[in-house]
N, C-alpha and C. Protein backbone atom coordinates (compact mmCIF):
# COMPACT_ATOMS: atom_id res chain seq x y z
N MET A 1 0.67 -1.21 -0.43
CA MET A 1 -0.14 -0.13 0.18
C MET A 1 0.74 1.09 0.18
N TYR A 2 2.12 1.15 0.74
CA TYR A 2 2.74 2.31 0.68
C TYR A 2 3.25 2.72 -0.82
N ALA A 3 3.86 1.44 -1.08
CA ALA A 3 4.86 1.95 -3.01
C ALA A 3 3.49 2.01 -3.46
N LEU A 4 2.34 2.13 -3.19
CA LEU A 4 1.36 2.49 -4.17
C LEU A 4 0.56 4.17 -3.86
N LEU A 5 0.67 4.05 -2.78
CA LEU A 5 0.31 5.81 -2.33
C LEU A 5 1.19 6.83 -2.74
N ARG A 6 2.81 6.05 -2.13
CA ARG A 6 3.85 7.16 -2.78
C ARG A 6 3.67 7.47 -4.67
N GLY A 7 3.41 6.08 -5.36
CA GLY A 7 3.27 6.48 -6.99
C GLY A 7 2.24 7.14 -7.17
N VAL A 8 0.98 7.21 -6.19
CA VAL A 8 0.10 8.27 -6.74
C VAL A 8 0.66 9.44 -6.43
N MET A 9 0.80 9.96 -5.14
CA MET A 9 1.41 11.09 -4.88
C MET A 9 2.14 11.56 -6.58
N ARG A 10 3.26 11.06 -6.46
CA ARG A 10 4.26 11.62 -7.19
C ARG A 10 3.78 11.81 -8.60
N LEU A 11 2.35 11.06 -8.97
CA LEU A 11 1.55 11.38 -10.63
C LEU A 11 1.03 12.31 -10.45
N MET A 12 0.34 12.85 -9.04
CA MET A 12 -0.92 13.58 -8.82
C MET A 12 0.68 15.21 -8.89
N VAL A 13 1.43 15.18 -8.39
CA VAL A 13 2.35 15.98 -8.47
C VAL A 13 3.34 16.21 -9.81
N GLY A 14 2.85 15.52 -10.52
CA GLY A 14 3.88 15.18 -11.64
C GLY A 14 2.48 16.06 -12.62
N VAL A 15 1.57 15.81 -12.68
CA VAL A 15 0.69 16.34 -13.84
C VAL A 15 0.55 18.05 -12.84
N TYR A 16 -0.48 17.54 -11.80
CA TYR A 16 -1.03 19.05 -11.20
C TYR A 16 0.39 20.20 -11.48
N LEU A 17 2.02 19.67 -10.74
CA LEU A 17 2.98 20.76 -10.91
C LEU A 17 3.97 20.63 -11.80
N ALA A 18 3.23 19.77 -13.06
CA ALA A 18 4.14 19.82 -14.60
C ALA A 18 4.67 21.01 -14.78
N GLY A 19 6.34 20.74 -14.62
CA GLY A 19 7.06 22.05 -15.18
C GLY A 19 6.74 23.09 -13.86
N LEU A 20 6.45 22.82 -12.58
CA LEU A 20 6.62 23.81 -11.64
C LEU A 20 7.45 23.04 -10.60
N PHE A 21 7.58 21.76 -9.83
CA PHE A 21 7.98 20.97 -9.28
C PHE A 21 9.88 20.87 -9.83
N LYS A 22 10.67 21.18 -8.79
CA LYS A 22 11.57 20.45 -9.18
C LYS A 22 12.77 20.20 -7.84
N VAL A 23 13.21 19.02 -7.99
CA VAL A 23 13.72 18.19 -6.80
C VAL A 23 15.66 17.84 -7.54
N SER A 24 16.31 18.93 -6.63
CA SER A 24 17.69 18.42 -6.69
C SER A 24 18.54 17.62 -5.11
N GLY A 25 19.75 17.63 -5.40
CA GLY A 25 20.50 16.90 -4.86
C GLY A 25 19.87 15.67 -4.24
N VAL A 26 19.73 14.79 -5.10
CA VAL A 26 18.99 13.19 -4.75
C VAL A 26 20.47 12.75 -4.92
N GLN A 27 21.41 12.73 -5.24
CA GLN A 27 22.53 12.21 -5.45
C GLN A 27 23.18 11.91 -4.04
N ASN A 28 21.96 13.01 -3.16
CA ASN A 28 23.25 13.28 -1.77
C ASN A 28 22.38 12.11 -0.88
N VAL A 29 21.07 11.37 -1.21
CA VAL A 29 20.33 10.66 0.03
C VAL A 29 21.01 8.96 -0.28
N PRO A 30 21.70 9.09 1.09
CA PRO A 30 22.03 7.45 1.07
C PRO A 30 20.55 6.66 0.68
N THR A 31 21.05 5.35 0.01
CA THR A 31 19.81 4.67 -0.05
C THR A 31 19.49 3.47 0.72
N GLN A 32 20.74 3.28 1.75
CA GLN A 32 20.65 2.43 2.47
C GLN A 32 20.75 2.49 3.67
N GLY A 33 20.06 1.90 5.04
CA GLY A 33 20.81 2.23 6.45
C GLY A 33 20.12 3.17 6.96
N PRO A 34 20.28 3.40 8.61
CA PRO A 34 19.56 4.07 9.60
C PRO A 34 19.82 5.65 8.46
N LEU A 35 18.73 6.62 8.43
CA LEU A 35 19.06 7.59 8.20
C LEU A 35 17.77 8.69 8.67
N ILE A 36 18.03 9.85 9.22
CA ILE A 36 17.10 11.14 9.69
C ILE A 36 17.36 11.73 8.63
N ILE A 37 15.70 12.26 8.29
CA ILE A 37 15.46 12.89 6.97
C ILE A 37 14.62 14.21 7.62
N CYS A 38 15.48 15.30 7.49
CA CYS A 38 14.90 16.60 8.31
C CYS A 38 14.91 17.90 7.44
N PRO A 39 13.45 17.59 6.76
CA PRO A 39 13.14 19.08 6.24
C PRO A 39 12.63 20.25 6.91
N ASN A 40 12.12 21.64 6.49
CA ASN A 40 11.73 22.74 7.01
C ASN A 40 9.96 22.16 6.70
N HIS A 41 9.43 22.50 7.66
CA HIS A 41 7.99 23.06 7.31
C HIS A 41 7.08 24.00 7.43
N ILE A 42 6.18 24.20 6.10
CA ILE A 42 5.60 25.83 5.86
C ILE A 42 4.70 25.14 5.04
N GLY A 43 4.03 23.75 4.14
CA GLY A 43 3.10 23.53 4.06
C GLY A 43 2.13 22.22 4.29
N THR A 44 0.82 22.67 4.45
CA THR A 44 -0.15 21.43 4.69
C THR A 44 0.64 20.00 3.86
N ILE A 45 1.20 20.49 2.20
CA ILE A 45 1.44 19.27 1.55
C ILE A 45 2.63 18.51 2.10
N ASP A 46 3.39 19.20 2.69
CA ASP A 46 4.90 18.96 2.89
C ASP A 46 4.92 17.23 3.35
N PRO A 47 3.71 16.62 4.71
CA PRO A 47 4.25 15.52 4.55
C PRO A 47 3.75 14.37 3.90
N PRO A 48 2.79 14.62 3.00
CA PRO A 48 3.08 13.42 1.37
C PRO A 48 3.89 13.81 0.25
N LEU A 49 4.73 14.94 0.97
CA LEU A 49 4.92 15.20 -0.71
C LEU A 49 6.66 14.09 -0.41
N VAL A 50 7.31 14.50 0.76
CA VAL A 50 8.57 14.43 1.26
C VAL A 50 8.63 13.01 0.86
N PRO A 51 8.01 12.00 1.59
CA PRO A 51 7.79 10.53 1.49
C PRO A 51 8.01 10.28 -0.08
N ALA A 52 7.41 10.69 -0.80
CA ALA A 52 6.86 10.54 -2.18
C ALA A 52 8.54 10.52 -3.09
N PHE A 53 9.22 11.65 -2.94
CA PHE A 53 10.31 11.78 -3.93
C PHE A 53 11.56 11.47 -2.51
N VAL A 54 11.78 11.30 -1.66
CA VAL A 54 12.86 10.41 -1.08
C VAL A 54 13.10 9.18 -1.76
N PRO A 55 14.11 9.30 -2.61
CA PRO A 55 14.57 7.85 -3.32
C PRO A 55 14.88 6.65 -2.34
N ARG A 56 13.63 6.09 -1.84
CA ARG A 56 13.95 5.07 -1.31
C ARG A 56 12.68 4.66 -0.58
N GLY A 57 12.33 3.65 -0.51
CA GLY A 57 11.01 3.16 -0.06
C GLY A 57 10.67 2.37 1.44
N ASP A 58 11.22 2.95 2.18
CA ASP A 58 11.32 2.36 3.21
C ASP A 58 11.37 3.72 4.65
N THR A 59 10.67 4.66 4.09
CA THR A 59 10.68 6.02 4.97
C THR A 59 9.59 5.74 5.89
N TRP A 60 9.92 6.06 7.00
CA TRP A 60 8.76 6.33 8.07
C TRP A 60 8.49 8.07 8.72
N SER A 61 7.57 8.43 8.85
CA SER A 61 7.10 9.76 9.43
C SER A 61 6.29 10.00 10.82
N MET A 62 7.52 10.80 11.58
CA MET A 62 6.28 11.08 12.78
C MET A 62 5.09 12.06 12.18
N ALA A 63 4.04 12.07 12.62
CA ALA A 63 3.04 12.75 12.41
C ALA A 63 2.00 13.41 13.97
N LYS A 64 1.97 14.81 14.12
CA LYS A 64 0.96 14.75 15.32
C LYS A 64 0.01 13.99 15.39
N SER A 65 -0.25 13.21 16.65
CA SER A 65 -1.12 12.40 17.42
C SER A 65 -2.56 12.67 17.21
N GLU A 66 -2.67 14.33 16.60
CA GLU A 66 -4.40 14.46 16.28
C GLU A 66 -4.31 13.79 14.71
N TYR A 67 -4.26 13.54 14.05
CA TYR A 67 -3.91 13.18 13.05
C TYR A 67 -4.89 11.67 12.80
N PHE A 68 -4.50 11.32 13.80
CA PHE A 68 -4.99 9.85 14.41
C PHE A 68 -6.23 9.35 14.93
N ARG A 69 -6.78 10.73 14.96
CA ARG A 69 -7.46 10.34 15.83
C ARG A 69 -9.70 9.65 15.26
N ASN A 70 -9.00 10.39 13.83
CA ASN A 70 -10.61 9.88 13.05
C ASN A 70 -9.63 8.55 12.04
N PRO A 71 -10.70 7.75 12.09
CA PRO A 71 -10.55 5.94 11.68
C PRO A 71 -10.02 6.04 10.37
N VAL A 72 -10.67 6.76 9.49
CA VAL A 72 -9.93 6.99 8.20
C VAL A 72 -8.84 7.56 7.88
N ILE A 73 -8.59 8.47 8.23
CA ILE A 73 -7.51 9.22 8.26
C ILE A 73 -6.04 8.45 9.08
N ASN A 74 -6.50 7.94 9.96
CA ASN A 74 -5.40 7.29 10.93
C ASN A 74 -5.45 5.81 9.95
N TRP A 75 -5.73 5.37 9.02
CA TRP A 75 -5.89 4.16 8.14
C TRP A 75 -4.85 4.77 6.94
N LEU A 76 -5.41 6.00 6.52
CA LEU A 76 -4.48 6.48 5.74
C LEU A 76 -3.03 6.99 6.04
N PHE A 77 -2.80 7.58 7.17
CA PHE A 77 -1.68 7.60 7.25
C PHE A 77 -0.55 7.08 8.00
N THR A 78 -1.42 5.60 8.56
CA THR A 78 -0.72 4.43 8.77
C THR A 78 -0.43 3.83 7.62
N SER A 79 -1.10 3.60 6.63
CA SER A 79 -0.81 2.98 5.44
C SER A 79 0.53 4.00 4.64
N TYR A 80 0.32 4.93 5.00
CA TYR A 80 1.78 5.81 4.16
C TYR A 80 2.98 6.11 5.00
N HIS A 81 2.69 4.95 5.84
CA HIS A 81 4.26 4.61 7.11
C HIS A 81 4.23 5.91 7.82
N ALA A 82 3.07 6.45 8.70
CA ALA A 82 3.30 7.49 9.57
C ALA A 82 3.23 7.04 10.94
N PHE A 83 3.40 7.34 11.87
CA PHE A 83 3.43 7.27 12.96
C PHE A 83 3.08 8.33 14.23
N PRO A 84 1.99 8.22 15.10
CA PRO A 84 1.83 9.59 16.26
C PRO A 84 2.97 9.97 17.22
N VAL A 85 2.50 11.05 17.40
CA VAL A 85 3.78 11.81 18.53
C VAL A 85 3.14 12.68 19.01
N VAL A 86 3.08 12.46 20.16
CA VAL A 86 2.46 14.28 21.21
C VAL A 86 3.34 15.18 21.20
N ARG A 87 3.23 16.37 20.23
CA ARG A 87 4.31 17.24 20.48
C ARG A 87 4.17 17.69 21.33
N HIS A 88 5.85 17.98 21.37
CA HIS A 88 5.63 19.09 22.87
C HIS A 88 6.04 18.60 24.09
N THR A 89 6.14 16.97 24.12
CA THR A 89 5.98 16.36 24.99
C THR A 89 7.74 15.14 24.67
N ALA A 90 7.65 14.54 25.95
CA ALA A 90 8.67 13.31 25.49
C ALA A 90 8.32 12.15 25.41
N ASP A 91 7.61 12.17 24.40
CA ASP A 91 6.73 11.36 23.47
C ASP A 91 7.45 9.83 24.16
N ARG A 92 7.36 8.85 25.11
CA ARG A 92 8.64 7.35 24.84
C ARG A 92 7.85 6.54 24.19
N VAL A 93 6.57 6.59 23.64
CA VAL A 93 6.01 5.28 22.94
C VAL A 93 6.65 5.75 21.10
N ALA A 94 6.43 7.16 21.17
CA ALA A 94 6.96 7.73 19.58
C ALA A 94 8.35 7.55 19.36
N LEU A 95 9.08 8.05 20.62
CA LEU A 95 10.71 7.74 20.86
C LEU A 95 11.33 6.13 20.23
N ARG A 96 9.96 4.94 21.01
CA ARG A 96 11.05 3.39 20.78
C ARG A 96 10.71 3.04 19.39
N ARG A 97 9.31 3.91 18.51
CA ARG A 97 8.98 3.19 17.68
C ARG A 97 10.20 4.29 16.62
N ALA A 98 10.63 5.35 16.66
CA ALA A 98 11.55 6.00 16.07
C ALA A 98 12.97 5.08 15.88
N PHE A 99 13.78 4.84 17.25
CA PHE A 99 14.61 4.11 17.83
C PHE A 99 14.48 2.92 16.78
N ASP A 100 13.17 2.37 16.82
CA ASP A 100 13.06 1.17 16.23
C ASP A 100 13.18 1.17 14.73
N VAL A 101 12.32 2.36 14.15
CA VAL A 101 12.58 2.43 12.43
C VAL A 101 14.47 2.80 12.00
N LEU A 102 15.25 3.02 12.70
CA LEU A 102 16.13 3.33 12.86
C LEU A 102 17.13 2.37 13.04
N ASN A 103 17.06 1.47 14.19
CA ASN A 103 17.59 0.27 14.37
C ASN A 103 17.22 -0.87 13.17
N GLU A 104 16.46 -0.97 12.63
CA GLU A 104 16.11 -1.87 11.51
C GLU A 104 16.45 -1.29 10.48
N GLY A 105 17.80 -0.17 10.55
CA GLY A 105 17.92 0.46 9.06
C GLY A 105 17.07 1.09 8.01
N HIS A 106 16.16 1.57 8.75
CA HIS A 106 15.16 2.11 7.84
C HIS A 106 15.54 3.89 7.75
N ALA A 107 15.01 4.32 6.97
CA ALA A 107 14.67 5.82 7.44
C ALA A 107 13.49 7.05 7.95
N LEU A 108 13.57 7.73 8.94
CA LEU A 108 12.73 8.43 9.42
C LEU A 108 12.98 10.05 9.28
N ILE A 109 11.58 10.18 8.76
CA ILE A 109 11.07 11.89 8.36
C ILE A 109 11.10 12.35 9.59
N ILE A 110 11.48 13.51 10.10
CA ILE A 110 11.15 14.04 11.24
C ILE A 110 11.33 15.76 11.02
N TYR A 111 10.25 16.67 11.18
CA TYR A 111 10.13 17.81 11.20
C TYR A 111 10.54 18.56 12.13
N PRO A 112 12.25 19.19 12.76
CA PRO A 112 12.47 19.51 13.61
C PRO A 112 11.93 20.96 14.29
N GLU A 113 11.15 21.13 14.17
CA GLU A 113 10.20 22.57 13.92
C GLU A 113 9.23 21.92 15.31
N GLY A 114 9.11 20.83 14.76
CA GLY A 114 7.95 20.09 15.02
C GLY A 114 6.20 20.65 14.82
N THR A 115 6.19 21.04 14.20
CA THR A 115 4.77 22.07 13.82
C THR A 115 4.84 22.67 12.19
N ARG A 116 3.92 22.95 11.35
CA ARG A 116 3.81 23.71 10.33
C ARG A 116 4.42 25.10 10.97
N ILE A 117 4.98 25.71 10.06
CA ILE A 117 5.32 27.52 10.12
C ILE A 117 4.70 28.41 9.27
N ASP A 118 3.70 28.72 9.87
CA ASP A 118 2.56 29.58 8.49
C ASP A 118 2.98 30.49 8.32
N ALA A 119 4.56 31.45 8.97
CA ALA A 119 5.32 32.45 8.58
C ALA A 119 6.14 32.05 7.25
N GLY A 120 6.23 30.70 7.14
CA GLY A 120 7.18 30.47 5.66
C GLY A 120 8.56 30.92 5.99
N VAL A 121 8.72 30.84 7.91
CA VAL A 121 10.57 31.16 7.76
C VAL A 121 10.85 30.01 8.56
N LEU A 122 12.22 29.81 8.79
CA LEU A 122 12.81 28.87 9.93
C LEU A 122 12.48 29.74 11.29
N ALA A 123 12.02 28.62 12.28
CA ALA A 123 11.84 28.65 13.89
C ALA A 123 12.71 28.14 14.38
N ARG A 124 12.21 28.32 15.74
CA ARG A 124 13.08 27.33 16.45
C ARG A 124 13.18 25.94 16.67
N PRO A 125 13.91 25.04 16.48
CA PRO A 125 13.29 23.43 16.53
C PRO A 125 12.95 23.16 18.14
N GLU A 126 12.36 22.38 18.34
CA GLU A 126 11.98 20.99 19.55
C GLU A 126 13.76 20.38 19.45
N PRO A 127 13.96 20.05 20.56
CA PRO A 127 15.31 19.38 21.30
C PRO A 127 15.12 17.64 20.20
N GLY A 128 14.07 17.57 20.20
CA GLY A 128 13.87 15.98 19.67
C GLY A 128 14.47 15.32 19.01
N ALA A 129 14.60 16.10 17.42
CA ALA A 129 15.17 15.54 16.57
C ALA A 129 16.68 15.67 16.54
N GLY A 130 17.40 16.83 17.43
CA GLY A 130 18.67 16.68 17.73
C GLY A 130 18.90 15.24 18.95
N PHE A 131 18.08 15.45 19.55
CA PHE A 131 18.28 13.93 20.95
C PHE A 131 18.12 12.62 19.76
N ILE A 132 17.17 12.74 18.95
CA ILE A 132 17.19 11.21 18.33
C ILE A 132 18.50 11.44 17.23
N ALA A 133 19.01 11.94 16.61
CA ALA A 133 20.20 12.19 16.27
C ALA A 133 21.31 11.54 16.75
N GLN A 134 21.75 12.10 17.63
CA GLN A 134 22.51 12.20 18.96
C GLN A 134 22.60 10.58 19.51
N ARG A 135 21.15 10.21 19.75
CA ARG A 135 21.14 8.57 20.26
C ARG A 135 21.57 7.57 19.65
N CYS A 136 20.78 7.99 18.38
CA CYS A 136 21.44 7.16 17.22
C CYS A 136 22.55 7.16 16.20
N ALA A 137 23.18 8.30 16.31
CA ALA A 137 24.29 8.41 15.54
C ALA A 137 24.55 8.23 14.11
N CYS A 138 23.46 7.74 13.32
CA CYS A 138 23.33 7.99 12.39
C CYS A 138 23.32 9.43 11.67
N ALA A 139 23.33 9.16 9.75
CA ALA A 139 23.17 10.32 8.91
C ALA A 139 22.24 11.21 9.23
N VAL A 140 22.40 11.93 9.24
CA VAL A 140 20.95 13.09 8.78
C VAL A 140 21.23 13.83 7.64
N LEU A 141 19.92 13.73 7.34
CA LEU A 141 19.86 14.17 5.76
C LEU A 141 18.55 15.42 5.85
N PRO A 142 19.40 16.87 5.65
CA PRO A 142 18.37 18.15 5.57
C PRO A 142 17.86 18.36 4.32
N VAL A 143 16.56 18.78 4.22
CA VAL A 143 15.66 19.18 3.03
C VAL A 143 15.68 20.45 3.43
N ALA A 144 15.18 21.04 2.17
CA ALA A 144 14.86 22.53 1.97
C ALA A 144 13.47 22.10 1.18
N LEU A 145 12.75 22.55 1.47
CA LEU A 145 11.01 23.02 0.93
C LEU A 145 10.85 24.88 0.44
N THR A 146 10.54 25.32 -0.95
CA THR A 146 10.26 26.03 -0.83
C THR A 146 8.94 26.00 -1.75
N GLY A 147 7.89 26.90 -1.43
CA GLY A 147 7.02 26.93 -2.55
C GLY A 147 5.65 26.42 -2.05
N THR A 148 5.97 25.29 -0.87
CA THR A 148 4.72 24.56 -1.09
C THR A 148 3.38 25.26 0.37
N ALA A 149 3.97 26.36 0.89
CA ALA A 149 3.30 27.30 1.44
C ALA A 149 2.56 27.53 0.65
N ALA A 150 2.47 28.27 -0.62
CA ALA A 150 1.50 28.74 -1.32
C ALA A 150 0.86 27.77 -2.10
N CYS A 151 1.41 26.54 -2.36
CA CYS A 151 0.78 25.47 -3.01
C CYS A 151 -0.50 24.59 -2.14
N LEU A 152 -0.29 25.04 -0.70
CA LEU A 152 -1.69 24.04 -0.62
C LEU A 152 -1.50 25.16 1.38
N PRO A 153 -1.84 25.68 1.06
CA PRO A 153 -2.13 26.96 2.62
C PRO A 153 -3.06 26.63 3.22
N LYS A 154 -3.08 27.03 4.84
CA LYS A 154 -3.85 26.10 5.52
C LYS A 154 -4.85 26.85 5.15
N GLY A 155 -6.01 25.57 5.55
CA GLY A 155 -7.35 25.79 4.81
C GLY A 155 -7.56 25.78 3.23
N ALA A 156 -6.52 25.96 2.64
CA ALA A 156 -7.38 25.78 1.13
C ALA A 156 -7.53 24.04 1.19
N ARG A 157 -8.75 24.15 0.49
CA ARG A 157 -9.34 23.03 -0.42
C ARG A 157 -8.65 22.38 -1.37
N TRP A 158 -7.93 22.91 -2.00
CA TRP A 158 -7.22 22.13 -3.35
C TRP A 158 -6.14 23.46 -3.42
N PRO A 159 -4.77 22.12 -4.01
CA PRO A 159 -3.89 23.41 -4.45
C PRO A 159 -3.25 23.85 -5.56
N ARG A 160 -2.31 24.78 -5.43
CA ARG A 160 -2.20 25.85 -6.31
C ARG A 160 -1.03 25.75 -7.16
N ARG A 161 -1.17 26.05 -8.47
CA ARG A 161 -0.30 25.78 -9.17
C ARG A 161 1.11 26.86 -9.22
N VAL A 162 2.03 26.65 -8.59
CA VAL A 162 2.57 27.24 -8.07
C VAL A 162 4.20 26.74 -7.67
N LYS A 163 5.55 27.45 -8.39
CA LYS A 163 6.51 27.00 -8.12
C LYS A 163 7.15 26.49 -6.71
N VAL A 164 7.56 24.77 -6.97
CA VAL A 164 8.01 24.14 -5.48
C VAL A 164 9.22 23.64 -5.80
N THR A 165 9.94 23.54 -4.48
CA THR A 165 11.32 23.23 -4.70
C THR A 165 11.48 22.29 -3.55
N MET A 166 12.38 21.32 -3.90
CA MET A 166 13.05 19.92 -3.00
C MET A 166 14.07 19.98 -2.78
N THR A 167 15.30 20.52 -2.17
CA THR A 167 16.50 20.19 -2.34
C THR A 167 17.07 19.69 -0.97
N PHE A 168 17.73 18.25 -1.20
CA PHE A 168 18.91 17.66 -0.16
C PHE A 168 19.88 17.86 -0.10
N GLY A 169 20.34 18.23 0.82
CA GLY A 169 21.53 18.56 1.01
C GLY A 169 22.60 17.22 1.30
N ALA A 170 23.30 17.32 2.13
CA ALA A 170 24.61 16.67 2.05
C ALA A 170 24.68 15.91 3.53
N PRO A 171 24.79 14.65 3.79
CA PRO A 171 24.28 14.13 5.37
C PRO A 171 25.53 14.18 6.18
N PHE A 172 25.26 14.30 7.50
CA PHE A 172 26.35 14.57 8.18
C PHE A 172 25.64 13.99 9.38
N VAL A 173 26.72 14.06 10.23
CA VAL A 173 26.07 13.22 11.74
C VAL A 173 26.36 14.45 12.88
N VAL A 174 25.21 14.01 13.67
CA VAL A 174 25.47 15.21 14.93
C VAL A 174 26.26 14.90 16.16
N LEU A 175 27.42 14.80 16.83
CA LEU A 175 28.33 14.45 17.88
C LEU A 175 27.37 14.61 18.89
N GLN A 176 28.12 13.83 19.94
CA GLN A 176 27.37 13.94 21.14
C GLN A 176 28.78 14.86 22.32
N ARG A 177 29.83 15.01 21.34
CA ARG A 177 30.73 15.55 21.83
C ARG A 177 31.78 16.63 21.03
N ARG A 178 31.47 17.71 20.81
CA ARG A 178 32.41 18.88 20.07
C ARG A 178 33.87 18.06 19.80
N ALA A 179 34.16 18.32 18.71
CA ALA A 179 35.11 17.90 17.65
C ALA A 179 36.33 19.08 18.00
N THR A 180 35.89 20.08 18.81
CA THR A 180 36.91 21.53 18.93
C THR A 180 37.48 20.99 20.12
N ASP A 181 36.72 20.86 20.61
CA ASP A 181 37.21 20.85 22.49
C ASP A 181 36.61 19.82 23.21
N ASP A 182 35.67 18.98 22.88
CA ASP A 182 35.43 17.64 23.10
C ASP A 182 33.86 17.66 24.79
N SER A 183 34.16 19.09 24.77
CA SER A 183 32.66 19.50 25.41
C SER A 183 31.45 18.68 24.96
N ARG A 184 30.22 18.81 25.75
CA ARG A 184 29.14 18.52 25.67
C ARG A 184 28.18 18.81 24.20
N VAL A 185 27.52 18.32 23.40
CA VAL A 185 26.76 18.67 22.61
C VAL A 185 25.41 18.56 23.26
N THR A 186 24.56 20.04 23.92
CA THR A 186 23.38 19.81 24.22
C THR A 186 22.09 18.72 23.08
N HIS A 187 21.10 18.63 23.65
CA HIS A 187 20.34 18.31 21.97
C HIS A 187 19.43 19.34 21.83
N GLU A 188 19.40 20.63 22.27
CA GLU A 188 19.40 21.93 21.68
C GLU A 188 20.44 22.60 20.78
N GLU A 189 21.54 22.11 20.84
CA GLU A 189 22.49 22.95 19.90
C GLU A 189 22.57 21.37 18.69
N ALA A 190 22.38 20.41 19.22
CA ALA A 190 22.44 19.25 18.40
C ALA A 190 21.17 19.63 17.17
N ALA A 191 19.82 20.08 17.85
CA ALA A 191 18.94 20.76 16.56
C ALA A 191 18.75 21.83 16.06
N GLU A 192 19.85 22.28 16.50
CA GLU A 192 20.29 24.06 16.06
C GLU A 192 21.14 23.66 14.71
N ALA A 193 22.20 22.54 14.91
CA ALA A 193 23.24 22.04 13.64
C ALA A 193 22.48 21.62 12.55
N ILE A 194 21.04 21.06 13.15
CA ILE A 194 20.03 20.57 11.95
C ILE A 194 19.62 21.55 11.46
N MET A 195 19.25 22.63 11.97
CA MET A 195 18.24 23.70 11.40
C MET A 195 19.19 24.55 10.45
N LEU A 196 20.58 24.59 10.98
CA LEU A 196 21.70 25.14 10.14
C LEU A 196 21.98 24.81 8.73
N ALA A 197 21.87 23.48 8.91
CA ALA A 197 22.11 22.90 7.74
C ALA A 197 20.80 23.27 6.41
N ILE A 198 19.57 23.40 7.63
CA ILE A 198 18.46 23.21 6.64
C ILE A 198 18.32 24.55 5.96
N ALA A 199 18.88 25.67 6.85
CA ALA A 199 19.02 27.29 6.41
C ALA A 199 20.03 27.28 5.16
N GLU A 200 21.15 26.87 5.18
CA GLU A 200 22.07 26.78 3.87
C GLU A 200 21.53 26.49 2.90
N LEU A 201 20.72 25.76 2.91
CA LEU A 201 20.08 25.58 1.55
C LEU A 201 18.81 26.41 1.39
N LEU A 202 18.12 27.07 1.93
CA LEU A 202 17.49 27.98 1.73
C LEU A 202 17.62 29.43 1.27
N PRO A 203 16.80 29.78 0.29
CA PRO A 203 17.01 30.83 0.31
C PRO A 203 17.16 32.42 1.27
N PRO A 204 17.66 33.01 1.33
CA PRO A 204 17.53 34.13 2.22
C PRO A 204 16.76 34.56 3.06
N GLU A 205 15.64 34.62 2.46
CA GLU A 205 14.22 35.04 2.79
C GLU A 205 13.49 34.19 3.96
N MET A 206 13.93 32.76 3.69
CA MET A 206 13.40 31.88 4.37
C MET A 206 13.99 31.34 5.43
N ARG A 207 15.03 31.88 5.81
CA ARG A 207 15.98 31.37 7.29
C ARG A 207 15.42 31.72 8.56
N GLY A 208 14.75 33.13 8.51
CA GLY A 208 14.40 33.03 9.77
C GLY A 208 14.89 33.69 11.18
N GLU A 209 15.24 32.47 11.83
CA GLU A 209 15.72 32.52 13.27
C GLU A 209 17.13 32.33 13.07
N PHE A 210 17.36 31.67 11.42
CA PHE A 210 18.89 31.04 11.32
C PHE A 210 19.16 31.42 10.12
N SER A 211 18.97 33.30 10.22
CA SER A 211 19.58 33.98 9.24
C SER A 211 20.86 34.17 9.20
N ASP A 212 21.36 34.42 10.36
CA ASP A 212 22.72 34.76 11.03
C ASP A 212 23.82 33.53 10.68
N LEU A 213 24.24 33.12 9.35
CA LEU A 213 25.09 31.91 8.85
C LEU A 213 26.01 31.78 9.80
N ASP A 214 26.62 32.96 9.43
CA ASP A 214 28.27 33.26 10.04
C ASP A 214 28.38 33.23 11.42
N SER A 215 27.19 33.16 11.84
CA SER A 215 27.48 33.61 13.63
C SER A 215 27.03 32.23 14.34
N LEU A 216 25.77 31.93 13.45
CA LEU A 216 25.62 29.84 13.65
C LEU A 216 26.61 29.31 13.46
N ARG A 217 27.19 29.45 12.13
CA ARG A 217 28.63 28.31 12.19
C ARG A 217 29.37 28.12 13.36
N SER A 218 29.92 29.73 13.37
CA SER A 218 31.09 30.00 14.67
C SER A 218 30.62 28.95 15.67
N ARG A 219 29.55 29.60 16.42
CA ARG A 219 29.05 29.09 17.82
C ARG A 219 28.61 27.57 17.54
N LEU A 220 28.85 26.63 16.75
CA LEU A 220 27.71 25.35 16.47
C LEU A 220 29.00 24.63 15.79
N ALA A 221 29.91 25.00 15.66
CA ALA A 221 31.58 25.00 14.84
C ALA A 221 31.50 23.31 15.77
N GLY A 222 31.82 22.02 15.28
CA GLY A 222 32.69 21.00 16.00
C GLY A 222 31.25 20.00 16.60
N THR A 223 30.08 20.85 16.13
CA THR A 223 28.61 19.69 16.70
C THR A 223 29.00 18.57 15.87
N THR A 224 28.94 18.70 14.39
CA THR A 224 28.83 18.01 13.74
C THR A 224 30.27 17.71 12.27
N ARG A 225 29.70 16.30 11.83
CA ARG A 225 30.92 15.79 10.94
C ARG A 225 30.14 14.88 9.51
N PRO A 226 30.77 15.00 8.71
CA PRO A 226 30.51 14.89 7.19
C PRO A 226 29.86 13.30 7.58
N ALA A 227 28.83 12.67 6.89
CA ALA A 227 28.35 11.37 7.39
C ALA A 227 29.20 10.27 6.01
């Protein structure tokens, strides 16, 4: 069912956004092994869009628990390899499921900000993505989305034909101790390092809280290494 739903999503995007949708950096995506995929989240279409165009068929997504209350939506999300997480909490059930996905060598999609950012720019992240990345010590793949907020704005019933891009960055590993001075890397710093990697892929007007790249690179030096 997952493969079918991904195919349907790809077909819909290919037809409806023909000539307007562009994916780049596909060569950066590890095709096997545990992987944490971290996109920015600005549009309602992001959760179904990202899994459809990640070039591997074993991705799982964390999604807010509210979506799973309706039986029909629950079935659809579950079939699309999504599982619930109670946002803004230390959801131990969701964390165990995330660790199981990664320990089995699959890919996990996490939105570090924890929710859709209607302003369309980067916001401060939750520490969860940083915690999982440090705990599993596997590759993290930053993903930059543009145009999805305009494509399917909050409350819209039908997508709009606008330019949409999805850019996969270079994978990296978030460290538990800095390579520069061996000091401890906090979960918050780990999450910020992930957001910095996303910011570097976005146009300046979308970087929001992560606009000062030079300052962030200096402050977060030694928190990551190439995968």
